[in-house]
């Protein structure tokens, strides 16, 4: 009897990686999934936090995909290792702070290491030629394979017929004729495959699941780096950039203003790390202060906080200022009017 081959599939939680893995499963290959946690994935965090997203299904899409496929999924924390990919991308950034090509090389390389350590035979990804402008072009496909070290152990089932045959195809571990020739940005071929295999309720594609492709998020990250004077970051930094309205009236501090009740509850968890402010004479949002405040800064920040509460039209409101050690004081301020806050303060 011939040996059953084993493949590790990069599972992002999207439709493409699900279909790629299913294609190989259908050929009798043993498939297990791997998902790399960088901290920058959109799913789960904001939907779980925001009150307005309460009705949305809270799920980890990569785990959901693994469940649909009936395969084991390995989730690997790469937060620390990923920092160098983001801070020093050899191939540069995309439209925003997305180091897509370096990211793909990094993840395929990590999958190659896992493959060797666990005695698997080859790697599967859901890449499609022409789907992503930076990392999924015909010219960059060989770069990913070579610089990741995977070489021709990297199989892209969805577009394999448009690429040279890989080792799994040449050796007969998989039948090349049962692979696909999908190209371009249209999702119709993938949706047809999903229908054929009776997959529904899958994650809808919208530029990938990475916050680094988002203009607003990237601007906040650049602002954070500039304020800190270096490009290092912690997971808490990554999480807080996803939440609230960010306002920087001075280079040495910014406000993170909860936009609704769910965000306010989330920010409560950081009160022992940051100065916080809240209006006590009227209803209003919880606000965290990232930075050091002078006496003058306290009143400036408090006026901004007052602007976002129900006392915005009052002549004077009470703002409670709480230090990370729990000590409190109350200041009385006149709220800023809506047109008094310069647009350049908003990040």
C-alpha atoms as a PDB file:
ATOM      1  CA  UNK A   1       0.000   0.000   0.000  1.00  0.00           C
ATOM      2  CA  UNK A   2       1.230   3.504  -0.755  1.00  0.00           C
ATOM      3  CA  UNK A   3       1.916   5.812   2.181  1.00  0.00           C
ATOM      4  CA  UNK A   4      -0.828   8.311   2.956  1.00  0.00           C
ATOM      5  CA  UNK A   5       0.604  11.770   2.461  1.00  0.00           C
ATOM      6  CA  UNK A   6       0.095  14.585   4.960  1.00  0.00           C
ATOM      7  CA  UNK A   7      -0.311  18.281   4.198  1.00  0.00           C
ATOM      8  CA  UNK A   8      -0.455  21.311   6.478  1.00  0.00           C
ATOM      9  CA  UNK A   9      -2.847  24.001   5.247  1.00  0.00           C
ATOM     10  CA  UNK A  10      -2.574  27.688   6.127  1.00  0.00           C
ATOM     11  CA  UNK A  11      -6.070  28.487   7.391  1.00  0.00           C
ATOM     12  CA  UNK A  12      -6.888  32.191   7.575  1.00  0.00           C
ATOM     13  CA  UNK A  13     -10.603  31.706   8.137  1.00  0.00           C
ATOM     14  CA  UNK A  14     -11.509  32.892   4.656  1.00  0.00           C
ATOM     15  CA  UNK A  15     -13.144  31.037   1.802  1.00  0.00           C
ATOM     16  CA  UNK A  16      -9.997  30.503  -0.274  1.00  0.00           C
ATOM     17  CA  UNK A  17      -8.038  28.602   2.381  1.00  0.00           C
ATOM     18  CA  UNK A  18     -11.108  26.477   3.140  1.00  0.00           C
ATOM     19  CA  UNK A  19     -11.542  25.519  -0.529  1.00  0.00           C
ATOM     20  CA  UNK A  20      -7.825  24.845  -0.987  1.00  0.00           C
ATOM     21  CA  UNK A  21      -7.786  22.446   1.962  1.00  0.00           C
ATOM     22  CA  UNK A  22     -11.023  20.779   0.827  1.00  0.00           C
ATOM     23  CA  UNK A  23      -9.567  20.226  -2.657  1.00  0.00           C
ATOM     24  CA  UNK A  24      -6.681  18.241  -1.182  1.00  0.00           C
ATOM     25  CA  UNK A  25      -8.835  16.416   1.364  1.00  0.00           C
ATOM     26  CA  UNK A  26     -10.943  15.177  -1.554  1.00  0.00           C
ATOM     27  CA  UNK A  27      -7.851  13.409  -2.899  1.00  0.00           C
ATOM     28  CA  UNK A  28      -7.389  11.320   0.240  1.00  0.00           C
ATOM     29  CA  UNK A  29      -4.521  13.336   1.696  1.00  0.00           C
ATOM     30  CA  UNK A  30      -4.441  13.816   5.477  1.00  0.00           C
ATOM     31  CA  UNK A  31      -4.764  17.557   6.081  1.00  0.00           C
ATOM     32  CA  UNK A  32      -4.279  19.593   9.261  1.00  0.00           C
ATOM     33  CA  UNK A  33      -4.627  23.354   9.496  1.00  0.00           C
ATOM     34  CA  UNK A  34      -2.333  25.984  10.960  1.00  0.00           C
ATOM     35  CA  UNK A  35      -3.255  29.559  11.862  1.00  0.00           C
ATOM     36  CA  UNK A  36      -0.724  32.180  12.936  1.00  0.00           C
ATOM     37  CA  UNK A  37      -1.848  34.760  15.507  1.00  0.00           C
ATOM     38  CA  UNK A  38      -0.165  38.125  14.918  1.00  0.00           C
ATOM     39  CA  UNK A  39      -2.652  40.249  16.897  1.00  0.00           C
ATOM     40  CA  UNK A  40      -3.728  42.205  13.820  1.00  0.00           C
ATOM     41  CA  UNK A  41      -6.637  40.075  12.617  1.00  0.00           C
ATOM     42  CA  UNK A  42      -9.976  41.887  12.451  1.00  0.00           C
ATOM     43  CA  UNK A  43     -12.302  39.058  13.376  1.00  0.00           C
ATOM     44  CA  UNK A  44     -13.514  38.491  16.881  1.00  0.00           C
ATOM     45  CA  UNK A  45     -12.084  41.498  18.676  1.00  0.00           C
ATOM     46  CA  UNK A  46     -14.191  44.448  17.556  1.00  0.00           C
ATOM     47  CA  UNK A  47     -17.369  42.432  17.012  1.00  0.00           C
ATOM     48  CA  UNK A  48     -17.057  41.015  20.516  1.00  0.00           C
ATOM     49  CA  UNK A  49     -16.467  44.457  22.041  1.00  0.00           C
ATOM     50  CA  UNK A  50     -18.992  46.723  20.351  1.00  0.00           C
ATOM     51  CA  UNK A  51     -22.577  46.912  21.513  1.00  0.00           C
ATOM     52  CA  UNK A  52     -23.769  47.671  17.970  1.00  0.00           C
ATOM     53  CA  UNK A  53     -22.275  44.349  16.800  1.00  0.00           C
ATOM     54  CA  UNK A  54     -24.162  42.382  19.464  1.00  0.00           C
ATOM     55  CA  UNK A  55     -26.295  40.551  16.914  1.00  0.00           C
ATOM     56  CA  UNK A  56     -23.306  39.376  14.881  1.00  0.00           C
ATOM     57  CA  UNK A  57     -22.129  35.809  15.348  1.00  0.00           C
ATOM     58  CA  UNK A  58     -19.034  35.758  17.571  1.00  0.00           C
ATOM     59  CA  UNK A  59     -16.718  33.146  16.158  1.00  0.00           C
ATOM     60  CA  UNK A  60     -13.129  32.516  15.243  1.00  0.00           C
ATOM     61  CA  UNK A  61     -13.412  31.920  11.503  1.00  0.00           C
ATOM     62  CA  UNK A  62     -10.298  29.748  11.307  1.00  0.00           C
ATOM     63  CA  UNK A  63     -11.756  27.402  13.950  1.00  0.00           C
ATOM     64  CA  UNK A  64     -15.090  27.459  12.114  1.00  0.00           C
ATOM     65  CA  UNK A  65     -13.364  26.481   8.847  1.00  0.00           C
ATOM     66  CA  UNK A  66     -11.537  23.626  10.563  1.00  0.00           C
ATOM     67  CA  UNK A  67     -14.854  22.406  11.966  1.00  0.00           C
ATOM     68  CA  UNK A  68     -16.505  22.512   8.524  1.00  0.00           C
ATOM     69  CA  UNK A  69     -13.613  20.531   7.063  1.00  0.00           C
ATOM     70  CA  UNK A  70     -13.369  18.101   9.973  1.00  0.00           C
ATOM     71  CA  UNK A  71      -9.652  18.752  10.462  1.00  0.00           C
ATOM     72  CA  UNK A  72      -7.413  19.573  13.392  1.00  0.00           C
ATOM     73  CA  UNK A  73      -6.316  23.228  13.635  1.00  0.00           C
ATOM     74  CA  UNK A  74      -3.078  24.386  15.263  1.00  0.00           C
ATOM     75  CA  UNK A  75      -3.117  28.049  16.394  1.00  0.00           C
ATOM     76  CA  UNK A  76       0.397  29.414  16.792  1.00  0.00           C
ATOM     77  CA  UNK A  77       1.245  32.681  18.609  1.00  0.00           C
ATOM     78  CA  UNK A  78       3.782  34.604  16.499  1.00  0.00           C
ATOM     79  CA  UNK A  79       3.258  38.087  17.997  1.00  0.00           C
ATOM     80  CA  UNK A  80       6.911  38.620  18.960  1.00  0.00           C
ATOM     81  CA  UNK A  81       8.408  37.106  15.799  1.00  0.00           C
ATOM     82  CA  UNK A  82       5.993  39.064  13.604  1.00  0.00           C
ATOM     83  CA  UNK A  83       7.274  42.410  14.891  1.00  0.00           C
ATOM     84  CA  UNK A  84      10.309  42.292  12.623  1.00  0.00           C
ATOM     85  CA  UNK A  85       8.088  41.513   9.613  1.00  0.00           C
ATOM     86  CA  UNK A  86       5.966  44.589  10.288  1.00  0.00           C
ATOM     87  CA  UNK A  87       8.754  46.964  11.329  1.00  0.00           C
ATOM     88  CA  UNK A  88      11.370  45.980   8.729  1.00  0.00           C
ATOM     89  CA  UNK A  89       9.603  44.524   5.671  1.00  0.00           C
ATOM     90  CA  UNK A  90      12.196  43.609   3.040  1.00  0.00           C
ATOM     91  CA  UNK A  91       9.627  44.010   0.253  1.00  0.00           C
ATOM     92  CA  UNK A  92       7.984  47.122   1.670  1.00  0.00           C
ATOM     93  CA  UNK A  93       4.398  47.981   2.498  1.00  0.00           C
ATOM     94  CA  UNK A  94       1.223  47.896   0.466  1.00  0.00           C
ATOM     95  CA  UNK A  95      -1.170  50.830   0.328  1.00  0.00           C
ATOM     96  CA  UNK A  96      -1.027  51.236   4.103  1.00  0.00           C
ATOM     97  CA  UNK A  97       1.105  49.395   6.715  1.00  0.00           C
ATOM     98  CA  UNK A  98       0.427  45.963   5.259  1.00  0.00           C
ATOM     99  CA  UNK A  99       3.692  44.065   4.585  1.00  0.00           C
ATOM    100  CA  UNK A 100       1.765  41.483   2.559  1.00  0.00           C
ATOM    101  CA  UNK A 101       4.613  39.846   0.647  1.00  0.00           C
ATOM    102  CA  UNK A 102       6.907  39.616   3.680  1.00  0.00           C
ATOM    103  CA  UNK A 103       3.943  38.381   5.734  1.00  0.00           C
ATOM    104  CA  UNK A 104       3.208  35.552   3.313  1.00  0.00           C
ATOM    105  CA  UNK A 105       6.887  34.559   3.166  1.00  0.00           C
ATOM    106  CA  UNK A 106       7.040  34.568   6.972  1.00  0.00           C
ATOM    107  CA  UNK A 107       3.928  32.425   7.386  1.00  0.00           C
ATOM    108  CA  UNK A 108       4.893  29.886   4.752  1.00  0.00           C
ATOM    109  CA  UNK A 109       8.341  29.660   6.358  1.00  0.00           C
ATOM    110  CA  UNK A 110       6.742  29.004   9.761  1.00  0.00           C
ATOM    111  CA  UNK A 111       4.525  26.363   8.151  1.00  0.00           C
ATOM    112  CA  UNK A 112       7.628  24.770   6.588  1.00  0.00           C
ATOM    113  CA  UNK A 113       9.257  24.555  10.024  1.00  0.00           C
ATOM    114  CA  UNK A 114       6.100  22.998  11.452  1.00  0.00           C
ATOM    115  CA  UNK A 115       5.904  20.571   8.527  1.00  0.00           C
ATOM    116  CA  UNK A 116       9.451  19.312   9.145  1.00  0.00           C
ATOM    117  CA  UNK A 117       8.993  19.060  12.917  1.00  0.00           C
ATOM    118  CA  UNK A 118       5.759  17.091  12.562  1.00  0.00           C
ATOM    119  CA  UNK A 119       6.753  14.826   9.665  1.00  0.00           C
ATOM    120  CA  UNK A 120       4.277  16.250   7.141  1.00  0.00           C
ATOM    121  CA  UNK A 121       4.953  16.184   3.399  1.00  0.00           C
ATOM    122  CA  UNK A 122       3.855  19.509   1.892  1.00  0.00           C
ATOM    123  CA  UNK A 123       2.118  22.856   2.451  1.00  0.00           C
ATOM    124  CA  UNK A 124      -1.218  24.167   1.121  1.00  0.00           C
ATOM    125  CA  UNK A 125      -2.258  27.797   0.787  1.00  0.00           C
ATOM    126  CA  UNK A 126      -5.396  29.403  -0.643  1.00  0.00           C
ATOM    127  CA  UNK A 127      -3.486  31.841  -2.853  1.00  0.00           C
ATOM    128  CA  UNK A 128      -4.953  32.804  -6.217  1.00  0.00           C
ATOM    129  CA  UNK A 129      -2.936  34.514  -8.962  1.00  0.00           C
ATOM    130  CA  UNK A 130      -4.046  38.111  -9.416  1.00  0.00           C
ATOM    131  CA  UNK A 131      -6.249  38.278  -6.337  1.00  0.00           C
ATOM    132  CA  UNK A 132      -4.001  40.479  -4.183  1.00  0.00           C
ATOM    133  CA  UNK A 133      -1.999  43.300  -5.761  1.00  0.00           C
ATOM    134  CA  UNK A 134       1.096  42.800  -3.622  1.00  0.00           C
ATOM    135  CA  UNK A 135       1.498  39.180  -2.549  1.00  0.00           C
ATOM    136  CA  UNK A 136      -0.579  37.229  -5.085  1.00  0.00           C
ATOM    137  CA  UNK A 137       0.799  38.097  -8.494  1.00  0.00           C
ATOM    138  CA  UNK A 138       2.367  35.648 -10.911  1.00  0.00           C
ATOM    139  CA  UNK A 139       5.704  37.408 -10.413  1.00  0.00           C
ATOM    140  CA  UNK A 140       5.576  37.116  -6.622  1.00  0.00           C
ATOM    141  CA  UNK A 141       4.426  33.504  -6.342  1.00  0.00           C
ATOM    142  CA  UNK A 142       7.966  32.147  -6.955  1.00  0.00           C
ATOM    143  CA  UNK A 143       9.393  34.710  -4.492  1.00  0.00           C
ATOM    144  CA  UNK A 144       7.174  33.377  -1.705  1.00  0.00           C
ATOM    145  CA  UNK A 145       8.098  29.770  -2.489  1.00  0.00           C
ATOM    146  CA  UNK A 146      11.843  30.459  -2.674  1.00  0.00           C
ATOM    147  CA  UNK A 147      12.352  32.932   0.162  1.00  0.00           C
ATOM    148  CA  UNK A 148      10.167  30.940   2.561  1.00  0.00           C
ATOM    149  CA  UNK A 149      12.287  27.849   1.947  1.00  0.00           C
ATOM    150  CA  UNK A 150       9.223  25.838   0.944  1.00  0.00           C
ATOM    151  CA  UNK A 151      10.192  25.758  -2.741  1.00  0.00           C
ATOM    152  CA  UNK A 152       8.118  23.189  -4.633  1.00  0.00           C
ATOM    153  CA  UNK A 153       6.627  21.716  -1.459  1.00  0.00           C
ATOM    154  CA  UNK A 154       4.260  24.691  -1.564  1.00  0.00           C
ATOM    155  CA  UNK A 155       1.032  23.806  -3.385  1.00  0.00           C
ATOM    156  CA  UNK A 156      -1.665  26.359  -4.291  1.00  0.00           C
ATOM    157  CA  UNK A 157      -4.617  24.126  -5.235  1.00  0.00           C
ATOM    158  CA  UNK A 158      -6.905  26.948  -6.410  1.00  0.00           C
ATOM    159  CA  UNK A 159      -4.536  28.172  -9.141  1.00  0.00           C
ATOM    160  CA  UNK A 160      -2.140  25.228  -9.479  1.00  0.00           C
ATOM    161  CA  UNK A 161      -2.893  24.628 -13.179  1.00  0.00           C
ATOM    162  CA  UNK A 162      -1.579  28.121 -13.957  1.00  0.00           C
ATOM    163  CA  UNK A 163       1.734  27.411 -12.220  1.00  0.00           C
ATOM    164  CA  UNK A 164       4.559  24.901 -12.767  1.00  0.00           C
ATOM    165  CA  UNK A 165       3.883  21.476 -11.267  1.00  0.00           C
ATOM    166  CA  UNK A 166       5.074  21.112  -7.673  1.00  0.00           C
ATOM    167  CA  UNK A 167       6.690  18.049  -6.095  1.00  0.00           C
ATOM    168  CA  UNK A 168       3.362  16.690  -4.730  1.00  0.00           C
ATOM    169  CA  UNK A 169       1.969  16.829  -8.284  1.00  0.00           C
ATOM    170  CA  UNK A 170       5.023  15.335  -9.986  1.00  0.00           C
ATOM    171  CA  UNK A 171       5.256  12.513  -7.456  1.00  0.00           C
ATOM    172  CA  UNK A 172       1.553  11.707  -7.769  1.00  0.00           C
ATOM    173  CA  UNK A 173       0.688  12.557  -4.155  1.00  0.00           C
ATOM    174  CA  UNK A 174      -2.103  14.651  -5.656  1.00  0.00           C
ATOM    175  CA  UNK A 175      -3.733  14.552  -9.086  1.00  0.00           C
ATOM    176  CA  UNK A 176      -2.970  17.817 -10.899  1.00  0.00           C
ATOM    177  CA  UNK A 177      -6.053  17.349 -13.090  1.00  0.00           C
ATOM    178  CA  UNK A 178      -8.256  17.656 -10.001  1.00  0.00           C
ATOM    179  CA  UNK A 179      -6.718  20.984  -9.013  1.00  0.00           C
ATOM    180  CA  UNK A 180      -7.997  24.378 -10.242  1.00  0.00           C
ATOM    181  CA  UNK A 181      -7.046  27.216 -12.591  1.00  0.00           C
ATOM    182  CA  UNK A 182      -8.668  30.198 -10.840  1.00  0.00           C
ATOM    183  CA  UNK A 183      -7.206  33.651 -11.526  1.00  0.00           C
ATOM    184  CA  UNK A 184      -8.096  37.254 -10.806  1.00  0.00           C
ATOM    185  CA  UNK A 185     -10.193  39.098  -8.257  1.00  0.00           C
ATOM    186  CA  UNK A 186     -13.608  37.667  -9.127  1.00  0.00           C
ATOM    187  CA  UNK A 187     -15.034  35.444  -6.398  1.00  0.00           C
ATOM    188  CA  UNK A 188     -17.486  33.628  -8.669  1.00  0.00           C
ATOM    189  CA  UNK A 189     -15.355  30.484  -9.174  1.00  0.00           C
ATOM    190  CA  UNK A 190     -14.804  30.142  -5.429  1.00  0.00           C
ATOM    191  CA  UNK A 191     -18.476  30.711  -4.689  1.00  0.00           C
ATOM    192  CA  UNK A 192     -19.392  28.028  -7.226  1.00  0.00           C
ATOM    193  CA  UNK A 193     -17.005  25.593  -5.529  1.00  0.00           C
ATOM    194  CA  UNK A 194     -18.444  26.471  -2.131  1.00  0.00           C
ATOM    195  CA  UNK A 195     -21.936  25.747  -3.425  1.00  0.00           C
ATOM    196  CA  UNK A 196     -20.777  22.455  -4.923  1.00  0.00           C
ATOM    197  CA  UNK A 197     -19.413  21.362  -1.531  1.00  0.00           C
ATOM    198  CA  UNK A 198     -22.408  22.830   0.324  1.00  0.00           C
ATOM    199  CA  UNK A 199     -20.417  25.406   2.271  1.00  0.00           C
ATOM    200  CA  UNK A 200     -22.421  28.431   3.317  1.00  0.00           C
ATOM    201  CA  UNK A 201     -22.165  31.142   6.001  1.00  0.00           C
ATOM    202  CA  UNK A 202     -18.449  31.485   5.214  1.00  0.00           C
ATOM    203  CA  UNK A 203     -16.555  34.712   5.913  1.00  0.00           C
ATOM    204  CA  UNK A 204     -17.172  37.278   3.189  1.00  0.00           C
ATOM    205  CA  UNK A 205     -13.946  38.553   1.586  1.00  0.00           C
ATOM    206  CA  UNK A 206     -13.221  42.247   2.131  1.00  0.00           C
ATOM    207  CA  UNK A 207      -9.519  42.783   1.576  1.00  0.00           C
ATOM    208  CA  UNK A 208      -8.452  40.065   4.000  1.00  0.00           C
ATOM    209  CA  UNK A 209      -8.805  39.960   7.760  1.00  0.00           C
ATOM    210  CA  UNK A 210      -5.839  42.186   8.606  1.00  0.00           C
ATOM    211  CA  UNK A 211      -6.166  45.579  10.303  1.00  0.00           C
ATOM    212  CA  UNK A 212      -2.903  46.664   8.665  1.00  0.00           C
ATOM    213  CA  UNK A 213      -4.771  47.040   5.355  1.00  0.00           C
ATOM    214  CA  UNK A 214      -7.038  49.638   6.993  1.00  0.00           C
ATOM    215  CA  UNK A 215      -6.160  53.322   6.437  1.00  0.00           C
ATOM    216  CA  UNK A 216      -7.484  54.530   9.787  1.00  0.00           C
ATOM    217  CA  UNK A 217      -5.794  51.780  11.798  1.00  0.00           C
ATOM    218  CA  UNK A 218      -2.469  52.311  10.019  1.00  0.00           C
ATOM    219  CA  UNK A 219      -2.599  56.051  10.784  1.00  0.00           C
ATOM    220  CA  UNK A 220      -3.112  55.263  14.482  1.00  0.00           C
ATOM    221  CA  UNK A 221      -0.168  52.860  14.469  1.00  0.00           C
ATOM    222  CA  UNK A 222       2.121  55.429  12.806  1.00  0.00           C
ATOM    223  CA  UNK A 223       0.982  57.997  15.386  1.00  0.00           C
ATOM    224  CA  UNK A 224       1.795  55.544  18.197  1.00  0.00           C
ATOM    225  CA  UNK A 225       5.290  54.931  16.822  1.00  0.00           C
ATOM    226  CA  UNK A 226       5.924  58.662  16.500  1.00  0.00           C
ATOM    227  CA  UNK A 227       4.696  59.355  20.029  1.00  0.00           C
ATOM    228  CA  UNK A 228       6.803  56.562  21.542  1.00  0.00           C
ATOM    229  CA  UNK A 229       9.879  57.427  19.482  1.00  0.00           C
ATOM    230  CA  UNK A 230      10.326  53.802  18.386  1.00  0.00           C
ATOM    231  CA  UNK A 231       8.451  51.146  16.434  1.00  0.00           C
ATOM    232  CA  UNK A 232       8.181  48.456  19.071  1.00  0.00           C
ATOM    233  CA  UNK A 233       4.702  47.619  20.360  1.00  0.00           C
ATOM    234  CA  UNK A 234       2.865  45.304  22.743  1.00  0.00           C
ATOM    235  CA  UNK A 235      -0.351  43.355  22.247  1.00  0.00           C
ATOM    236  CA  UNK A 236      -2.194  45.900  24.430  1.00  0.00           C
ATOM    237  CA  UNK A 237      -1.120  48.632  21.978  1.00  0.00           C
ATOM    238  CA  UNK A 238      -2.489  46.595  19.071  1.00  0.00           C
ATOM    239  CA  UNK A 239      -5.798  46.035  20.855  1.00  0.00           C
ATOM    240  CA  UNK A 240      -6.314  49.641  21.973  1.00  0.00           C
ATOM    241  CA  UNK A 241      -5.740  50.953  18.454  1.00  0.00           C
ATOM    242  CA  UNK A 242      -8.815  48.949  17.403  1.00  0.00           C
ATOM    243  CA  UNK A 243     -11.102  50.632  19.914  1.00  0.00           C
ATOM    244  CA  UNK A 244     -12.490  54.131  20.458  1.00  0.00           C
ATOM    245  CA  UNK A 245     -11.956  57.590  19.007  1.00  0.00           C
ATOM    246  CA  UNK A 246      -8.293  58.656  19.211  1.00  0.00           C
ATOM    247  CA  UNK A 247      -7.528  62.359  19.726  1.00  0.00           C
ATOM    248  CA  UNK A 248      -4.026  63.822  20.151  1.00  0.00           C
ATOM    249  CA  UNK A 249      -4.129  67.505  21.215  1.00  0.00           C
ATOM    250  CA  UNK A 250      -0.407  67.481  22.105  1.00  0.00           C
ATOM    251  CA  UNK A 251       2.509  65.293  20.988  1.00  0.00           C
ATOM    252  CA  UNK A 252       3.004  63.847  24.485  1.00  0.00           C
ATOM    253  CA  UNK A 253      -0.511  62.548  25.145  1.00  0.00           C
ATOM    254  CA  UNK A 254      -3.689  61.370  23.450  1.00  0.00           C
ATOM    255  CA  UNK A 255      -7.242  60.504  24.489  1.00  0.00           C
ATOM    256  CA  UNK A 256      -8.988  57.233  23.695  1.00  0.00           C
ATOM    257  CA  UNK A 257     -12.722  58.001  23.851  1.00  0.00           C
ATOM    258  CA  UNK A 258     -15.197  55.118  24.083  1.00  0.00           C
ATOM    259  CA  UNK A 259     -17.764  55.494  21.295  1.00  0.00           C
ATOM    260  CA  UNK A 260     -20.411  53.309  22.879  1.00  0.00           C
ATOM    261  CA  UNK A 261     -21.160  51.159  25.903  1.00  0.00           C
ATOM    262  CA  UNK A 262     -19.336  48.047  24.727  1.00  0.00           C
ATOM    263  CA  UNK A 263     -16.129  49.974  24.117  1.00  0.00           C
ATOM    264  CA  UNK A 264     -16.501  51.649  27.523  1.00  0.00           C
ATOM    265  CA  UNK A 265     -16.644  48.251  29.232  1.00  0.00           C
ATOM    266  CA  UNK A 266     -13.555  47.138  27.319  1.00  0.00           C
ATOM    267  CA  UNK A 267     -11.578  50.265  28.274  1.00  0.00           C
ATOM    268  CA  UNK A 268     -12.469  49.701  31.951  1.00  0.00           C
ATOM    269  CA  UNK A 269      -9.956  46.870  31.904  1.00  0.00           C
ATOM    270  CA  UNK A 270      -7.113  49.326  31.279  1.00  0.00           C
ATOM    271  CA  UNK A 271      -7.840  51.774  34.135  1.00  0.00           C
ATOM    272  CA  UNK A 272      -4.907  50.423  36.167  1.00  0.00           C
ATOM    273  CA  UNK A 273      -2.529  51.174  33.297  1.00  0.00           C
ATOM    274  CA  UNK A 274      -3.721  54.638  32.210  1.00  0.00           C
ATOM    275  CA  UNK A 275      -5.110  57.841  33.625  1.00  0.00           C
ATOM    276  CA  UNK A 276      -8.857  57.788  32.993  1.00  0.00           C
ATOM    277  CA  UNK A 277     -11.530  60.488  32.878  1.00  0.00           C
ATOM    278  CA  UNK A 278     -15.307  60.449  33.003  1.00  0.00           C
ATOM    279  CA  UNK A 279     -17.992  63.101  33.422  1.00  0.00           C
ATOM    280  CA  UNK A 280     -19.782  62.778  36.794  1.00  0.00           C
ATOM    281  CA  UNK A 281     -22.273  65.638  36.494  1.00  0.00           C
ATOM    282  CA  UNK A 282     -23.733  64.281  33.240  1.00  0.00           C
ATOM    283  CA  UNK A 283     -23.695  60.987  31.338  1.00  0.00           C
ATOM    284  CA  UNK A 284     -20.618  60.523  29.187  1.00  0.00           C
ATOM    285  CA  UNK A 285     -18.024  58.062  27.893  1.00  0.00           C
ATOM    286  CA  UNK A 286     -15.022  56.630  29.687  1.00  0.00           C
ATOM    287  CA  UNK A 287     -11.782  58.086  28.306  1.00  0.00           C
ATOM    288  CA  UNK A 288      -8.228  56.761  28.706  1.00  0.00           C
ATOM    289  CA  UNK A 289      -5.214  59.092  28.570  1.00  0.00           C
ATOM    290  CA  UNK A 290      -2.108  57.635  26.928  1.00  0.00           C
ATOM    291  CA  UNK A 291       0.794  59.822  28.051  1.00  0.00           C
ATOM    292  CA  UNK A 292       1.802  62.183  30.843  1.00  0.00           C
ATOM    293  CA  UNK A 293      -0.331  65.191  31.759  1.00  0.00           C
ATOM    294  CA  UNK A 294       0.724  68.559  33.133  1.00  0.00           C
ATOM    295  CA  UNK A 295      -1.787  70.562  35.200  1.00  0.00           C
ATOM    296  CA  UNK A 296      -2.668  72.517  32.060  1.00  0.00           C
ATOM    297  CA  UNK A 297      -3.052  69.291  30.057  1.00  0.00           C
ATOM    298  CA  UNK A 298      -5.556  67.934  32.590  1.00  0.00           C
ATOM    299  CA  UNK A 299      -7.933  70.809  31.912  1.00  0.00           C
ATOM    300  CA  UNK A 300      -7.449  70.591  28.148  1.00  0.00           C
ATOM    301  CA  UNK A 301      -8.175  66.855  28.165  1.00  0.00           C
ATOM    302  CA  UNK A 302     -11.148  67.324  30.509  1.00  0.00           C
ATOM    303  CA  UNK A 303     -12.714  69.871  28.141  1.00  0.00           C
ATOM    304  CA  UNK A 304     -12.480  67.330  25.314  1.00  0.00           C
ATOM    305  CA  UNK A 305     -14.014  64.638  27.527  1.00  0.00           C
ATOM    306  CA  UNK A 306     -16.862  67.034  28.384  1.00  0.00           C
ATOM    307  CA  UNK A 307     -17.507  67.632  24.675  1.00  0.00           C
ATOM    308  CA  UNK A 308     -18.388  63.946  24.201  1.00  0.00           C
ATOM    309  CA  UNK A 309     -20.846  63.734  27.113  1.00  0.00           C
ATOM    310  CA  UNK A 310     -24.447  64.796  27.643  1.00  0.00           C
ATOM    311  CA  UNK A 311     -23.204  68.011  29.250  1.00  0.00           C
ATOM    312  CA  UNK A 312     -21.650  69.248  26.023  1.00  0.00           C
ATOM    313  CA  UNK A 313     -24.006  72.262  25.974  1.00  0.00           C
ATOM    314  CA  UNK A 314     -23.668  73.069  29.695  1.00  0.00           C
ATOM    315  CA  UNK A 315     -21.642  76.013  30.891  1.00  0.00           C
ATOM    316  CA  UNK A 316     -19.642  73.804  33.249  1.00  0.00           C
ATOM    317  CA  UNK A 317     -19.328  70.084  33.971  1.00  0.00           C
ATOM    318  CA  UNK A 318     -17.537  67.912  36.527  1.00  0.00           C
ATOM    319  CA  UNK A 319     -14.862  65.554  35.213  1.00  0.00           C
ATOM    320  CA  UNK A 320     -13.446  62.853  37.475  1.00  0.00           C
ATOM    321  CA  UNK A 321      -9.742  62.181  36.876  1.00  0.00           C
ATOM    322  CA  UNK A 322      -8.535  58.778  38.123  1.00  0.00           C
ATOM    323  CA  UNK A 323      -4.875  57.792  38.344  1.00  0.00           C
ATOM    324  CA  UNK A 324      -3.759  54.187  37.704  1.00  0.00           C
ATOM    325  CA  UNK A 325      -3.279  53.760  41.477  1.00  0.00           C
ATOM    326  CA  UNK A 326      -6.961  54.552  42.005  1.00  0.00           C
ATOM    327  CA  UNK A 327      -6.555  58.061  43.455  1.00  0.00           C
ATOM    328  CA  UNK A 328      -9.192  60.520  42.204  1.00  0.00           C
ATOM    329  CA  UNK A 329      -9.814  64.220  41.834  1.00  0.00           C
ATOM    330  CA  UNK A 330     -12.594  66.236  40.198  1.00  0.00           C
ATOM    331  CA  UNK A 331     -12.097  69.242  37.930  1.00  0.00           C
ATOM    332  CA  UNK A 332     -14.741  71.621  36.650  1.00  0.00           C
ATOM    333  CA  UNK A 333     -14.424  72.709  33.032  1.00  0.00           C
ATOM    334  CA  UNK A 334     -16.357  74.348  30.232  1.00  0.00           C
ATOM    335  CA  UNK A 335     -16.857  71.830  27.412  1.00  0.00           C
ATOM    336  CA  UNK A 336     -15.354  72.435  24.003  1.00  0.00           C
ATOM    337  CA  UNK A 337     -17.920  73.284  21.355  1.00  0.00           C
ATOM    338  CA  UNK A 338     -18.108  70.936  18.392  1.00  0.00           C
ATOM    339  CA  UNK A 339     -16.214  73.273  16.055  1.00  0.00           C
ATOM    340  CA  UNK A 340     -13.554  74.200  18.634  1.00  0.00           C
ATOM    341  CA  UNK A 341     -11.646  70.911  18.408  1.00  0.00           C
ATOM    342  CA  UNK A 342      -9.198  71.172  15.472  1.00  0.00           C
ATOM    343  CA  UNK A 343      -9.549  68.385  12.899  1.00  0.00           C
ATOM    344  CA  UNK A 344      -5.785  67.738  13.042  1.00  0.00           C
ATOM    345  CA  UNK A 345      -6.177  66.483  16.601  1.00  0.00           C
ATOM    346  CA  UNK A 346      -8.189  63.494  15.366  1.00  0.00           C
ATOM    347  CA  UNK A 347      -6.015  60.554  14.398  1.00  0.00           C
END
